[in-house]
Amino acid sequence: RAFNEYWTEHAYDFSEFEVIWTTSNSIDDELLRTIVQDSIMFAIAFGVMLVYLQFTLGNISCLRGRALLATSSVFILICALIFGFGVSAYLGMKFSTLVFVVPFLLLGVGVDDMIIIL
């Protein structure tokens, strides 16, 4: 970490050439930054989809209402994500920034299938 901090401060001290550095922690640091930034968007997306499903599948009547079904479909999507990432981590697979598109893709396809099936 000290190496990265040093070159972040002194990378522009040399006018003759451009300093570009990489370390073994660079990828991990970038993934951590991406996860932290995208976690807020991820929570907002799930919240919006939950509200959308409540309005789409829900009904005023308690007998025909599917609000619980809408909530359970989002819960199933979250469990599928946790299981998928957990198995991948257990098997030692490397994560890249492209992997973080999967939750949004799964959310879109899962919500669409839930609406079509019902």
PDB file of N, CA and C in Angstrom:
ATOM      1  N   ARG A   1       0.826  -1.185   0.000  1.00  0.00           N
ATOM      2  CA  ARG A   1       0.000   0.000   0.000  1.00  0.00           C
ATOM      3  C   ARG A   1       0.872   1.250   0.000  1.00  0.00           C
ATOM      4  N   ALA A   2       1.968   1.213   0.705  1.00  0.00           N
ATOM      5  CA  ALA A   2       2.859   2.377   0.732  1.00  0.00           C
ATOM      6  C   ALA A   2       3.438   2.651  -0.650  1.00  0.00           C
ATOM      7  N   PHE A   3       3.712   1.592  -1.406  1.00  0.00           N
ATOM      8  CA  PHE A   3       4.221   1.743  -2.767  1.00  0.00           C
ATOM      9  C   PHE A   3       3.213   2.489  -3.643  1.00  0.00           C
ATOM     10  N   ASN A   4       1.947   2.101  -3.541  1.00  0.00           N
ATOM     11  CA  ASN A   4       0.898   2.768  -4.310  1.00  0.00           C
ATOM     12  C   ASN A   4       0.750   4.224  -3.897  1.00  0.00           C
ATOM     13  N   GLU A   5       0.786   4.482  -2.604  1.00  0.00           N
ATOM     14  CA  GLU A   5       0.659   5.864  -2.122  1.00  0.00           C
ATOM     15  C   GLU A   5       1.823   6.728  -2.592  1.00  0.00           C
ATOM     16  N   TYR A   6       3.025   6.163  -2.576  1.00  0.00           N
ATOM     17  CA  TYR A   6       4.192   6.923  -3.017  1.00  0.00           C
ATOM     18  C   TYR A   6       4.055   7.325  -4.483  1.00  0.00           C
ATOM     19  N   TRP A   7       3.712   6.353  -5.341  1.00  0.00           N
ATOM     20  CA  TRP A   7       3.627   6.651  -6.766  1.00  0.00           C
ATOM     21  C   TRP A   7       2.409   7.486  -7.120  1.00  0.00           C
ATOM     22  N   THR A   8       1.369   7.418  -6.309  1.00  0.00           N
ATOM     23  CA  THR A   8       0.226   8.298  -6.523  1.00  0.00           C
ATOM     24  C   THR A   8       0.633   9.749  -6.312  1.00  0.00           C
ATOM     25  N   GLU A   9       1.466   9.988  -5.319  1.00  0.00           N
ATOM     26  CA  GLU A   9       1.927  11.349  -5.022  1.00  0.00           C
ATOM     27  C   GLU A   9       3.012  11.824  -5.985  1.00  0.00           C
ATOM     28  N   HIS A  10       3.897  10.924  -6.419  1.00  0.00           N
ATOM     29  CA  HIS A  10       5.078  11.334  -7.174  1.00  0.00           C
ATOM     30  C   HIS A  10       5.079  10.915  -8.645  1.00  0.00           C
ATOM     31  N   ALA A  11       3.957  10.483  -9.177  1.00  0.00           N
ATOM     32  CA  ALA A  11       3.924  10.008 -10.560  1.00  0.00           C
ATOM     33  C   ALA A  11       4.177  11.131 -11.562  1.00  0.00           C
ATOM     34  N   TYR A  12       3.835  12.348 -11.206  1.00  0.00           N
ATOM     35  CA  TYR A  12       3.987  13.471 -12.135  1.00  0.00           C
ATOM     36  C   TYR A  12       5.244  14.287 -11.867  1.00  0.00           C
ATOM     37  N   ASP A  13       6.140  13.779 -11.058  1.00  0.00           N
ATOM     38  CA  ASP A  13       7.396  14.478 -10.782  1.00  0.00           C
ATOM     39  C   ASP A  13       8.373  14.395 -11.952  1.00  0.00           C
ATOM     40  N   PHE A  14       8.159  13.445 -12.820  1.00  0.00           N
ATOM     41  CA  PHE A  14       9.084  13.228 -13.929  1.00  0.00           C
ATOM     42  C   PHE A  14       8.434  13.722 -15.217  1.00  0.00           C
ATOM     43  N   SER A  15       8.965  14.795 -15.774  1.00  0.00           N
ATOM     44  CA  SER A  15       8.360  15.368 -16.970  1.00  0.00           C
ATOM     45  C   SER A  15       8.803  14.655 -18.249  1.00  0.00           C
ATOM     46  N   GLU A  16       9.891  13.913 -18.189  1.00  0.00           N
ATOM     47  CA  GLU A  16      10.413  13.256 -19.388  1.00  0.00           C
ATOM     48  C   GLU A  16       9.622  12.001 -19.772  1.00  0.00           C
ATOM     49  N   PHE A  17       9.014  11.346 -18.812  1.00  0.00           N
ATOM     50  CA  PHE A  17       8.294  10.117 -19.102  1.00  0.00           C
ATOM     51  C   PHE A  17       7.112   9.981 -18.152  1.00  0.00           C
ATOM     52  N   GLU A  18       6.223   9.097 -18.535  1.00  0.00           N
ATOM     53  CA  GLU A  18       5.024   8.852 -17.748  1.00  0.00           C
ATOM     54  C   GLU A  18       5.224   7.591 -16.903  1.00  0.00           C
ATOM     55  N   VAL A  19       4.926   7.681 -15.624  1.00  0.00           N
ATOM     56  CA  VAL A  19       5.090   6.552 -14.715  1.00  0.00           C
ATOM     57  C   VAL A  19       3.748   5.848 -14.566  1.00  0.00           C
ATOM     58  N   ILE A  20       3.738   4.561 -14.916  1.00  0.00           N
ATOM     59  CA  ILE A  20       2.556   3.715 -14.735  1.00  0.00           C
ATOM     60  C   ILE A  20       2.999   2.523 -13.897  1.00  0.00           C
ATOM     61  N   TRP A  21       2.307   2.267 -12.834  1.00  0.00           N
ATOM     62  CA  TRP A  21       2.720   1.201 -11.929  1.00  0.00           C
ATOM     63  C   TRP A  21       1.557   0.245 -11.687  1.00  0.00           C
ATOM     64  N   THR A  22       1.923  -0.946 -11.311  1.00  0.00           N
ATOM     65  CA  THR A  22       0.941  -1.945 -10.928  1.00  0.00           C
ATOM     66  C   THR A  22       1.558  -2.829  -9.842  1.00  0.00           C
ATOM     67  N   THR A  23       0.726  -3.306  -8.975  1.00  0.00           N
ATOM     68  CA  THR A  23       1.165  -4.217  -7.917  1.00  0.00           C
ATOM     69  C   THR A  23       0.185  -5.384  -7.866  1.00  0.00           C
ATOM     70  N   SER A  24       0.495  -6.356  -7.061  1.00  0.00           N
ATOM     71  CA  SER A  24      -0.404  -7.500  -6.934  1.00  0.00           C
ATOM     72  C   SER A  24      -1.711  -7.104  -6.254  1.00  0.00           C
ATOM     73  N   ASN A  25      -1.699  -6.027  -5.507  1.00  0.00           N
ATOM     74  CA  ASN A  25      -2.907  -5.568  -4.829  1.00  0.00           C
ATOM     75  C   ASN A  25      -3.745  -4.637  -5.685  1.00  0.00           C
ATOM     76  N   SER A  26      -3.256  -4.224  -6.825  1.00  0.00           N
ATOM     77  CA  SER A  26      -3.983  -3.255  -7.648  1.00  0.00           C
ATOM     78  C   SER A  26      -5.350  -3.776  -8.071  1.00  0.00           C
ATOM     79  N   ILE A  27      -5.408  -5.025  -8.495  1.00  0.00           N
ATOM     80  CA  ILE A  27      -6.685  -5.594  -8.922  1.00  0.00           C
ATOM     81  C   ILE A  27      -7.636  -5.715  -7.748  1.00  0.00           C
ATOM     82  N   ASP A  28      -7.142  -6.160  -6.604  1.00  0.00           N
ATOM     83  CA  ASP A  28      -7.994  -6.281  -5.424  1.00  0.00           C
ATOM     84  C   ASP A  28      -8.506  -4.916  -4.972  1.00  0.00           C
ATOM     85  N   ASP A  29      -7.649  -3.913  -5.012  1.00  0.00           N
ATOM     86  CA  ASP A  29      -8.074  -2.561  -4.626  1.00  0.00           C
ATOM     87  C   ASP A  29      -9.140  -2.028  -5.572  1.00  0.00           C
ATOM     88  N   GLU A  30      -8.975  -2.276  -6.854  1.00  0.00           N
ATOM     89  CA  GLU A  30      -9.950  -1.814  -7.845  1.00  0.00           C
ATOM     90  C   GLU A  30     -11.278  -2.546  -7.693  1.00  0.00           C
ATOM     91  N   LEU A  31     -11.244  -3.850  -7.435  1.00  0.00           N
ATOM     92  CA  LEU A  31     -12.477  -4.599  -7.208  1.00  0.00           C
ATOM     93  C   LEU A  31     -13.199  -4.117  -5.955  1.00  0.00           C
ATOM     94  N   LEU A  32     -12.453  -3.845  -4.900  1.00  0.00           N
ATOM     95  CA  LEU A  32     -13.062  -3.345  -3.674  1.00  0.00           C
ATOM     96  C   LEU A  32     -13.719  -1.993  -3.911  1.00  0.00           C
ATOM     97  N   ARG A  33     -13.050  -1.120  -4.662  1.00  0.00           N
ATOM     98  CA  ARG A  33     -13.612   0.195  -4.965  1.00  0.00           C
ATOM     99  C   ARG A  33     -14.886   0.051  -5.786  1.00  0.00           C
ATOM    100  N   THR A  34     -14.879  -0.858  -6.732  1.00  0.00           N
ATOM    101  CA  THR A  34     -16.048  -1.080  -7.574  1.00  0.00           C
ATOM    102  C   THR A  34     -17.214  -1.634  -6.767  1.00  0.00           C
ATOM    103  N   ILE A  35     -16.928  -2.564  -5.877  1.00  0.00           N
ATOM    104  CA  ILE A  35     -17.986  -3.150  -5.048  1.00  0.00           C
ATOM    105  C   ILE A  35     -18.621  -2.097  -4.162  1.00  0.00           C
ATOM    106  N   VAL A  36     -17.813  -1.262  -3.549  1.00  0.00           N
ATOM    107  CA  VAL A  36     -18.336  -0.229  -2.653  1.00  0.00           C
ATOM    108  C   VAL A  36     -19.188   0.768  -3.429  1.00  0.00           C
ATOM    109  N   GLN A  37     -18.734   1.165  -4.614  1.00  0.00           N
ATOM    110  CA  GLN A  37     -19.498   2.126  -5.404  1.00  0.00           C
ATOM    111  C   GLN A  37     -20.781   1.520  -5.948  1.00  0.00           C
ATOM    112  N   ASP A  38     -20.751   0.265  -6.361  1.00  0.00           N
ATOM    113  CA  ASP A  38     -21.924  -0.355  -6.970  1.00  0.00           C
ATOM    114  C   ASP A  38     -22.921  -0.901  -5.954  1.00  0.00           C
ATOM    115  N   SER A  39     -22.535  -1.038  -4.704  1.00  0.00           N
ATOM    116  CA  SER A  39     -23.450  -1.609  -3.725  1.00  0.00           C
ATOM    117  C   SER A  39     -24.655  -0.701  -3.497  1.00  0.00           C
ATOM    118  N   ILE A  40     -24.471   0.600  -3.558  1.00  0.00           N
ATOM    119  CA  ILE A  40     -25.592   1.528  -3.393  1.00  0.00           C
ATOM    120  C   ILE A  40     -26.543   1.391  -4.583  1.00  0.00           C
ATOM    121  N   MET A  41     -25.985   1.349  -5.793  1.00  0.00           N
ATOM    122  CA  MET A  41     -26.810   1.182  -6.989  1.00  0.00           C
ATOM    123  C   MET A  41     -27.529  -0.164  -6.974  1.00  0.00           C
ATOM    124  N   PHE A  42     -26.868  -1.179  -6.470  1.00  0.00           N
ATOM    125  CA  PHE A  42     -27.441  -2.510  -6.378  1.00  0.00           C
ATOM    126  C   PHE A  42     -28.657  -2.502  -5.442  1.00  0.00           C
ATOM    127  N   ALA A  43     -28.526  -1.870  -4.292  1.00  0.00           N
ATOM    128  CA  ALA A  43     -29.632  -1.800  -3.332  1.00  0.00           C
ATOM    129  C   ALA A  43     -30.802  -0.993  -3.902  1.00  0.00           C
ATOM    130  N   ILE A  44     -30.493   0.095  -4.583  1.00  0.00           N
ATOM    131  CA  ILE A  44     -31.547   0.908  -5.182  1.00  0.00           C
ATOM    132  C   ILE A  44     -32.275   0.120  -6.265  1.00  0.00           C
ATOM    133  N   ALA A  45     -31.539  -0.613  -7.092  1.00  0.00           N
ATOM    134  CA  ALA A  45     -32.157  -1.400  -8.163  1.00  0.00           C
ATOM    135  C   ALA A  45     -33.086  -2.468  -7.597  1.00  0.00           C
ATOM    136  N   PHE A  46     -32.654  -3.157  -6.548  1.00  0.00           N
ATOM    137  CA  PHE A  46     -33.516  -4.167  -5.950  1.00  0.00           C
ATOM    138  C   PHE A  46     -34.745  -3.530  -5.312  1.00  0.00           C
ATOM    139  N   GLY A  47     -34.581  -2.385  -4.688  1.00  0.00           N
ATOM    140  CA  GLY A  47     -35.728  -1.685  -4.098  1.00  0.00           C
ATOM    141  C   GLY A  47     -36.733  -1.237  -5.141  1.00  0.00           C
ATOM    142  N   VAL A  48     -36.251  -0.687  -6.241  1.00  0.00           N
ATOM    143  CA  VAL A  48     -37.146  -0.241  -7.312  1.00  0.00           C
ATOM    144  C   VAL A  48     -37.864  -1.428  -7.932  1.00  0.00           C
ATOM    145  N   MET A  49     -37.161  -2.512  -8.163  1.00  0.00           N
ATOM    146  CA  MET A  49     -37.801  -3.696  -8.732  1.00  0.00           C
ATOM    147  C   MET A  49     -38.818  -4.306  -7.774  1.00  0.00           C
ATOM    148  N   LEU A  50     -38.545  -4.248  -6.489  1.00  0.00           N
ATOM    149  CA  LEU A  50     -39.507  -4.759  -5.515  1.00  0.00           C
ATOM    150  C   LEU A  50     -40.776  -3.923  -5.534  1.00  0.00           C
ATOM    151  N   VAL A  51     -40.647  -2.611  -5.567  1.00  0.00           N
ATOM    152  CA  VAL A  51     -41.818  -1.729  -5.635  1.00  0.00           C
ATOM    153  C   VAL A  51     -42.572  -1.966  -6.946  1.00  0.00           C
ATOM    154  N   TYR A  52     -41.820  -2.099  -8.051  1.00  0.00           N
ATOM    155  CA  TYR A  52     -42.455  -2.360  -9.344  1.00  0.00           C
ATOM    156  C   TYR A  52     -43.235  -3.668  -9.326  1.00  0.00           C
ATOM    157  N   LEU A  53     -42.656  -4.701  -8.764  1.00  0.00           N
ATOM    158  CA  LEU A  53     -43.363  -5.985  -8.681  1.00  0.00           C
ATOM    159  C   LEU A  53     -44.587  -5.898  -7.773  1.00  0.00           C
ATOM    160  N   GLN A  54     -44.477  -5.121  -6.707  1.00  0.00           N
ATOM    161  CA  GLN A  54     -45.629  -4.957  -5.813  1.00  0.00           C
ATOM    162  C   GLN A  54     -46.808  -4.340  -6.563  1.00  0.00           C
ATOM    163  N   PHE A  55     -46.519  -3.328  -7.388  1.00  0.00           N
ATOM    164  CA  PHE A  55     -47.589  -2.699  -8.153  1.00  0.00           C
ATOM    165  C   PHE A  55     -48.074  -3.585  -9.301  1.00  0.00           C
ATOM    166  N   THR A  56     -47.176  -4.324  -9.917  1.00  0.00           N
ATOM    167  CA  THR A  56     -47.551  -5.149 -11.058  1.00  0.00           C
ATOM    168  C   THR A  56     -48.308  -6.407 -10.630  1.00  0.00           C
ATOM    169  N   LEU A  57     -47.794  -7.089  -9.634  1.00  0.00           N
ATOM    170  CA  LEU A  57     -48.412  -8.339  -9.208  1.00  0.00           C
ATOM    171  C   LEU A  57     -49.395  -8.167  -8.057  1.00  0.00           C
ATOM    172  N   GLY A  58     -49.276  -7.074  -7.358  1.00  0.00           N
ATOM    173  CA  GLY A  58     -50.144  -6.841  -6.215  1.00  0.00           C
ATOM    174  C   GLY A  58     -51.555  -6.485  -6.640  1.00  0.00           C
ATOM    175  N   ASN A  59     -52.463  -6.565  -5.697  1.00  0.00           N
ATOM    176  CA  ASN A  59     -53.855  -6.249  -5.958  1.00  0.00           C
ATOM    177  C   ASN A  59     -54.447  -5.779  -4.642  1.00  0.00           C
ATOM    178  N   ILE A  60     -55.516  -5.014  -4.721  1.00  0.00           N
ATOM    179  CA  ILE A  60     -56.141  -4.515  -3.496  1.00  0.00           C
ATOM    180  C   ILE A  60     -56.737  -5.658  -2.689  1.00  0.00           C
ATOM    181  N   SER A  61     -57.281  -6.642  -3.358  1.00  0.00           N
ATOM    182  CA  SER A  61     -57.931  -7.769  -2.700  1.00  0.00           C
ATOM    183  C   SER A  61     -56.899  -8.644  -1.990  1.00  0.00           C
ATOM    184  N   CYS A  62     -57.250  -9.085  -0.808  1.00  0.00           N
ATOM    185  CA  CYS A  62     -56.353  -9.983  -0.071  1.00  0.00           C
ATOM    186  C   CYS A  62     -56.357 -11.389  -0.673  1.00  0.00           C
ATOM    187  N   LEU A  63     -57.464 -11.767  -1.312  1.00  0.00           N
ATOM    188  CA  LEU A  63     -57.551 -13.105  -1.890  1.00  0.00           C
ATOM    189  C   LEU A  63     -56.763 -13.225  -3.185  1.00  0.00           C
ATOM    190  N   ARG A  64     -56.766 -12.186  -4.000  1.00  0.00           N
ATOM    191  CA  ARG A  64     -56.070 -12.235  -5.276  1.00  0.00           C
ATOM    192  C   ARG A  64     -54.741 -11.495  -5.265  1.00  0.00           C
ATOM    193  N   GLY A  65     -54.390 -10.969  -4.149  1.00  0.00           N
ATOM    194  CA  GLY A  65     -53.141 -10.210  -4.059  1.00  0.00           C
ATOM    195  C   GLY A  65     -51.923 -11.106  -4.162  1.00  0.00           C
ATOM    196  N   ARG A  66     -50.926 -10.634  -4.898  1.00  0.00           N
ATOM    197  CA  ARG A  66     -49.700 -11.407  -5.060  1.00  0.00           C
ATOM    198  C   ARG A  66     -48.491 -10.634  -4.542  1.00  0.00           C
ATOM    199  N   ALA A  67     -48.728  -9.773  -3.579  1.00  0.00           N
ATOM    200  CA  ALA A  67     -47.634  -8.958  -3.048  1.00  0.00           C
ATOM    201  C   ALA A  67     -46.581  -9.830  -2.377  1.00  0.00           C
ATOM    202  N   LEU A  68     -47.013 -10.846  -1.670  1.00  0.00           N
ATOM    203  CA  LEU A  68     -46.061 -11.757  -1.030  1.00  0.00           C
ATOM    204  C   LEU A  68     -45.259 -12.534  -2.071  1.00  0.00           C
ATOM    205  N   LEU A  69     -45.898 -12.881  -3.168  1.00  0.00           N
ATOM    206  CA  LEU A  69     -45.205 -13.564  -4.250  1.00  0.00           C
ATOM    207  C   LEU A  69     -44.150 -12.656  -4.870  1.00  0.00           C
ATOM    208  N   ALA A  70     -44.477 -11.381  -5.030  1.00  0.00           N
ATOM    209  CA  ALA A  70     -43.509 -10.424  -5.576  1.00  0.00           C
ATOM    210  C   ALA A  70     -42.313 -10.289  -4.645  1.00  0.00           C
ATOM    211  N   THR A  71     -42.576 -10.200  -3.353  1.00  0.00           N
ATOM    212  CA  THR A  71     -41.487 -10.083  -2.382  1.00  0.00           C
ATOM    213  C   THR A  71     -40.641 -11.353  -2.370  1.00  0.00           C
ATOM    214  N   SER A  72     -41.294 -12.507  -2.442  1.00  0.00           N
ATOM    215  CA  SER A  72     -40.533 -13.763  -2.419  1.00  0.00           C
ATOM    216  C   SER A  72     -39.700 -13.940  -3.681  1.00  0.00           C
ATOM    217  N   SER A  73     -40.164 -13.417  -4.821  1.00  0.00           N
ATOM    218  CA  SER A  73     -39.363 -13.541  -6.042  1.00  0.00           C
ATOM    219  C   SER A  73     -38.068 -12.746  -5.939  1.00  0.00           C
ATOM    220  N   VAL A  74     -38.124 -11.553  -5.357  1.00  0.00           N
ATOM    221  CA  VAL A  74     -36.899 -10.771  -5.166  1.00  0.00           C
ATOM    222  C   VAL A  74     -35.999 -11.457  -4.139  1.00  0.00           C
ATOM    223  N   PHE A  75     -36.594 -12.042  -3.104  1.00  0.00           N
ATOM    224  CA  PHE A  75     -35.815 -12.772  -2.104  1.00  0.00           C
ATOM    225  C   PHE A  75     -35.112 -13.977  -2.731  1.00  0.00           C
ATOM    226  N   ILE A  76     -35.795 -14.672  -3.628  1.00  0.00           N
ATOM    227  CA  ILE A  76     -35.189 -15.819  -4.311  1.00  0.00           C
ATOM    228  C   ILE A  76     -34.017 -15.358  -5.178  1.00  0.00           C
ATOM    229  N   LEU A  77     -34.159 -14.221  -5.844  1.00  0.00           N
ATOM    230  CA  LEU A  77     -33.058 -13.683  -6.649  1.00  0.00           C
ATOM    231  C   LEU A  77     -31.842 -13.358  -5.785  1.00  0.00           C
ATOM    232  N   ILE A  78     -32.079 -12.773  -4.629  1.00  0.00           N
ATOM    233  CA  ILE A  78     -30.975 -12.441  -3.722  1.00  0.00           C
ATOM    234  C   ILE A  78     -30.293 -13.726  -3.237  1.00  0.00           C
ATOM    235  N   CYS A  79     -31.092 -14.734  -2.884  1.00  0.00           N
ATOM    236  CA  CYS A  79     -30.514 -16.011  -2.450  1.00  0.00           C
ATOM    237  C   CYS A  79     -29.714 -16.675  -3.571  1.00  0.00           C
ATOM    238  N   ALA A  80     -30.209 -16.577  -4.808  1.00  0.00           N
ATOM    239  CA  ALA A  80     -29.481 -17.151  -5.942  1.00  0.00           C
ATOM    240  C   ALA A  80     -28.142 -16.455  -6.137  1.00  0.00           C
ATOM    241  N   LEU A  81     -28.118 -15.145  -5.972  1.00  0.00           N
ATOM    242  CA  LEU A  81     -26.860 -14.406  -6.094  1.00  0.00           C
ATOM    243  C   LEU A  81     -25.870 -14.797  -5.005  1.00  0.00           C
ATOM    244  N   ILE A  82     -26.356 -14.874  -3.789  1.00  0.00           N
ATOM    245  CA  ILE A  82     -25.486 -15.251  -2.669  1.00  0.00           C
ATOM    246  C   ILE A  82     -24.935 -16.659  -2.882  1.00  0.00           C
ATOM    247  N   PHE A  83     -25.789 -17.576  -3.304  1.00  0.00           N
ATOM    248  CA  PHE A  83     -25.348 -18.944  -3.554  1.00  0.00           C
ATOM    249  C   PHE A  83     -24.332 -18.996  -4.690  1.00  0.00           C
ATOM    250  N   GLY A  84     -24.618 -18.301  -5.780  1.00  0.00           N
ATOM    251  CA  GLY A  84     -23.712 -18.319  -6.929  1.00  0.00           C
ATOM    252  C   GLY A  84     -22.350 -17.731  -6.623  1.00  0.00           C
ATOM    253  N   PHE A  85     -22.337 -16.576  -5.964  1.00  0.00           N
ATOM    254  CA  PHE A  85     -21.060 -15.969  -5.597  1.00  0.00           C
ATOM    255  C   PHE A  85     -20.343 -16.797  -4.533  1.00  0.00           C
ATOM    256  N   GLY A  86     -21.110 -17.418  -3.635  1.00  0.00           N
ATOM    257  CA  GLY A  86     -20.500 -18.244  -2.594  1.00  0.00           C
ATOM    258  C   GLY A  86     -19.824 -19.479  -3.163  1.00  0.00           C
ATOM    259  N   VAL A  87     -20.495 -20.156  -4.081  1.00  0.00           N
ATOM    260  CA  VAL A  87     -19.909 -21.340  -4.710  1.00  0.00           C
ATOM    261  C   VAL A  87     -18.675 -20.950  -5.527  1.00  0.00           C
ATOM    262  N   SER A  88     -18.770 -19.843  -6.253  1.00  0.00           N
ATOM    263  CA  SER A  88     -17.623 -19.372  -7.039  1.00  0.00           C
ATOM    264  C   SER A  88     -16.429 -19.045  -6.148  1.00  0.00           C
ATOM    265  N   ALA A  89     -16.698 -18.394  -5.027  1.00  0.00           N
ATOM    266  CA  ALA A  89     -15.610 -18.059  -4.100  1.00  0.00           C
ATOM    267  C   ALA A  89     -15.029 -19.321  -3.463  1.00  0.00           C
ATOM    268  N   TYR A  90     -15.892 -20.280  -3.134  1.00  0.00           N
ATOM    269  CA  TYR A  90     -15.423 -21.528  -2.532  1.00  0.00           C
ATOM    270  C   TYR A  90     -14.538 -22.305  -3.502  1.00  0.00           C
ATOM    271  N   LEU A  91     -14.889 -22.284  -4.779  1.00  0.00           N
ATOM    272  CA  LEU A  91     -14.092 -22.985  -5.786  1.00  0.00           C
ATOM    273  C   LEU A  91     -12.838 -22.215  -6.185  1.00  0.00           C
ATOM    274  N   GLY A  92     -12.676 -21.015  -5.655  1.00  0.00           N
ATOM    275  CA  GLY A  92     -11.466 -20.241  -5.908  1.00  0.00           C
ATOM    276  C   GLY A  92     -11.442 -19.521  -7.238  1.00  0.00           C
ATOM    277  N   MET A  93     -12.605 -19.272  -7.814  1.00  0.00           N
ATOM    278  CA  MET A  93     -12.643 -18.571  -9.090  1.00  0.00           C
ATOM    279  C   MET A  93     -12.325 -17.094  -8.884  1.00  0.00           C
ATOM    280  N   LYS A  94     -11.610 -16.530  -9.823  1.00  0.00           N
ATOM    281  CA  LYS A  94     -11.256 -15.115  -9.760  1.00  0.00           C
ATOM    282  C   LYS A  94     -12.440 -14.270 -10.205  1.00  0.00           C
ATOM    283  N   PHE A  95     -12.647 -13.153  -9.507  1.00  0.00           N
ATOM    284  CA  PHE A  95     -13.705 -12.228  -9.861  1.00  0.00           C
ATOM    285  C   PHE A  95     -13.116 -11.080 -10.664  1.00  0.00           C
ATOM    286  N   SER A  96     -13.868 -10.631 -11.627  1.00  0.00           N
ATOM    287  CA  SER A  96     -13.471  -9.455 -12.393  1.00  0.00           C
ATOM    288  C   SER A  96     -14.619  -8.458 -12.342  1.00  0.00           C
ATOM    289  N   THR A  97     -14.389  -7.295 -12.902  1.00  0.00           N
ATOM    290  CA  THR A  97     -15.441  -6.276 -12.858  1.00  0.00           C
ATOM    291  C   THR A  97     -16.638  -6.672 -13.715  1.00  0.00           C
ATOM    292  N   LEU A  98     -16.443  -7.533 -14.682  1.00  0.00           N
ATOM    293  CA  LEU A  98     -17.546  -7.992 -15.518  1.00  0.00           C
ATOM    294  C   LEU A  98     -18.535  -8.834 -14.720  1.00  0.00           C
ATOM    295  N   VAL A  99     -18.076  -9.502 -13.686  1.00  0.00           N
ATOM    296  CA  VAL A  99     -18.942 -10.343 -12.859  1.00  0.00           C
ATOM    297  C   VAL A  99     -20.012  -9.515 -12.156  1.00  0.00           C
ATOM    298  N   PHE A 100     -19.741  -8.255 -11.907  1.00  0.00           N
ATOM    299  CA  PHE A 100     -20.681  -7.427 -11.157  1.00  0.00           C
ATOM    300  C   PHE A 100     -21.834  -6.925 -12.010  1.00  0.00           C
ATOM    301  N   VAL A 101     -21.874  -7.330 -13.284  1.00  0.00           N
ATOM    302  CA  VAL A 101     -23.033  -7.073 -14.133  1.00  0.00           C
ATOM    303  C   VAL A 101     -24.092  -8.146 -13.900  1.00  0.00           C
ATOM    304  N   VAL A 102     -23.680  -9.293 -13.425  1.00  0.00           N
ATOM    305  CA  VAL A 102     -24.562 -10.446 -13.242  1.00  0.00           C
ATOM    306  C   VAL A 102     -25.756 -10.132 -12.330  1.00  0.00           C
ATOM    307  N   PRO A 103     -25.602  -9.460 -11.192  1.00  0.00           N
ATOM    308  CA  PRO A 103     -26.789  -9.197 -10.366  1.00  0.00           C
ATOM    309  C   PRO A 103     -27.865  -8.391 -11.095  1.00  0.00           C
ATOM    310  N   PHE A 104     -27.459  -7.403 -11.866  1.00  0.00           N
ATOM    311  CA  PHE A 104     -28.438  -6.604 -12.579  1.00  0.00           C
ATOM    312  C   PHE A 104     -29.092  -7.403 -13.710  1.00  0.00           C
ATOM    313  N   LEU A 105     -28.318  -8.241 -14.364  1.00  0.00           N
ATOM    314  CA  LEU A 105     -28.852  -9.104 -15.409  1.00  0.00           C
ATOM    315  C   LEU A 105     -29.820 -10.119 -14.822  1.00  0.00           C
ATOM    316  N   LEU A 106     -29.442 -10.735 -13.727  1.00  0.00           N
ATOM    317  CA  LEU A 106     -30.300 -11.700 -13.055  1.00  0.00           C
ATOM    318  C   LEU A 106     -31.579 -11.034 -12.548  1.00  0.00           C
ATOM    319  N   LEU A 107     -31.469  -9.827 -12.056  1.00  0.00           N
ATOM    320  CA  LEU A 107     -32.633  -9.092 -11.575  1.00  0.00           C
ATOM    321  C   LEU A 107     -33.599  -8.812 -12.725  1.00  0.00           C
ATOM    322  N   GLY A 108     -33.071  -8.349 -13.846  1.00  0.00           N
ATOM    323  CA  GLY A 108     -33.930  -8.052 -14.991  1.00  0.00           C
ATOM    324  C   GLY A 108     -34.608  -9.285 -15.554  1.00  0.00           C
ATOM    325  N   VAL A 109     -33.856 -10.347 -15.761  1.00  0.00           N
ATOM    326  CA  VAL A 109     -34.421 -11.581 -16.318  1.00  0.00           C
ATOM    327  C   VAL A 109     -35.375 -12.231 -15.325  1.00  0.00           C
ATOM    328  N   GLY A 110     -35.002 -12.244 -14.057  1.00  0.00           N
ATOM    329  CA  GLY A 110     -35.858 -12.866 -13.042  1.00  0.00           C
ATOM    330  C   GLY A 110     -37.181 -12.154 -12.865  1.00  0.00           C
ATOM    331  N   VAL A 111     -37.153 -10.831 -12.850  1.00  0.00           N
ATOM    332  CA  VAL A 111     -38.393 -10.064 -12.701  1.00  0.00           C
ATOM    333  C   VAL A 111     -39.268 -10.232 -13.945  1.00  0.00           C
ATOM    334  N   ASP A 112     -38.649 -10.211 -15.118  1.00  0.00           N
ATOM    335  CA  ASP A 112     -39.399 -10.388 -16.352  1.00  0.00           C
ATOM    336  C   ASP A 112     -40.057 -11.760 -16.381  1.00  0.00           C
ATOM    337  N   ASP A 113     -39.337 -12.799 -16.008  1.00  0.00           N
ATOM    338  CA  ASP A 113     -39.909 -14.143 -15.977  1.00  0.00           C
ATOM    339  C   ASP A 113     -41.024 -14.245 -14.964  1.00  0.00           C
ATOM    340  N   MET A 114     -40.884 -13.598 -13.839  1.00  0.00           N
ATOM    341  CA  MET A 114     -41.934 -13.640 -12.820  1.00  0.00           C
ATOM    342  C   MET A 114     -43.219 -13.008 -13.334  1.00  0.00           C
ATOM    343  N   ILE A 115     -43.110 -11.928 -14.058  1.00  0.00           N
ATOM    344  CA  ILE A 115     -44.294 -11.269 -14.594  1.00  0.00           C
ATOM    345  C   ILE A 115     -44.924 -12.109 -15.697  1.00  0.00           C
ATOM    346  N   ILE A 116     -44.098 -12.700 -16.554  1.00  0.00           N
ATOM    347  CA  ILE A 116     -44.612 -13.500 -17.664  1.00  0.00           C
ATOM    348  C   ILE A 116     -45.282 -14.778 -17.151  1.00  0.00           C
ATOM    349  N   ILE A 117     -44.691 -15.420 -16.178  1.00  0.00           N
ATOM    350  CA  ILE A 117     -45.256 -16.664 -15.651  1.00  0.00           C
ATOM    351  C   ILE A 117     -46.619 -16.423 -15.004  1.00  0.00           C
ATOM    352  N   LEU A 118     -46.770 -15.301 -14.346  1.00  0.00           N
ATOM    353  CA  LEU A 118     -48.037 -15.033 -13.664  1.00  0.00           C
ATOM    354  C   LEU A 118     -48.957 -14.286 -14.576  1.00  0.00           C
TER     355      LEU A 118
END
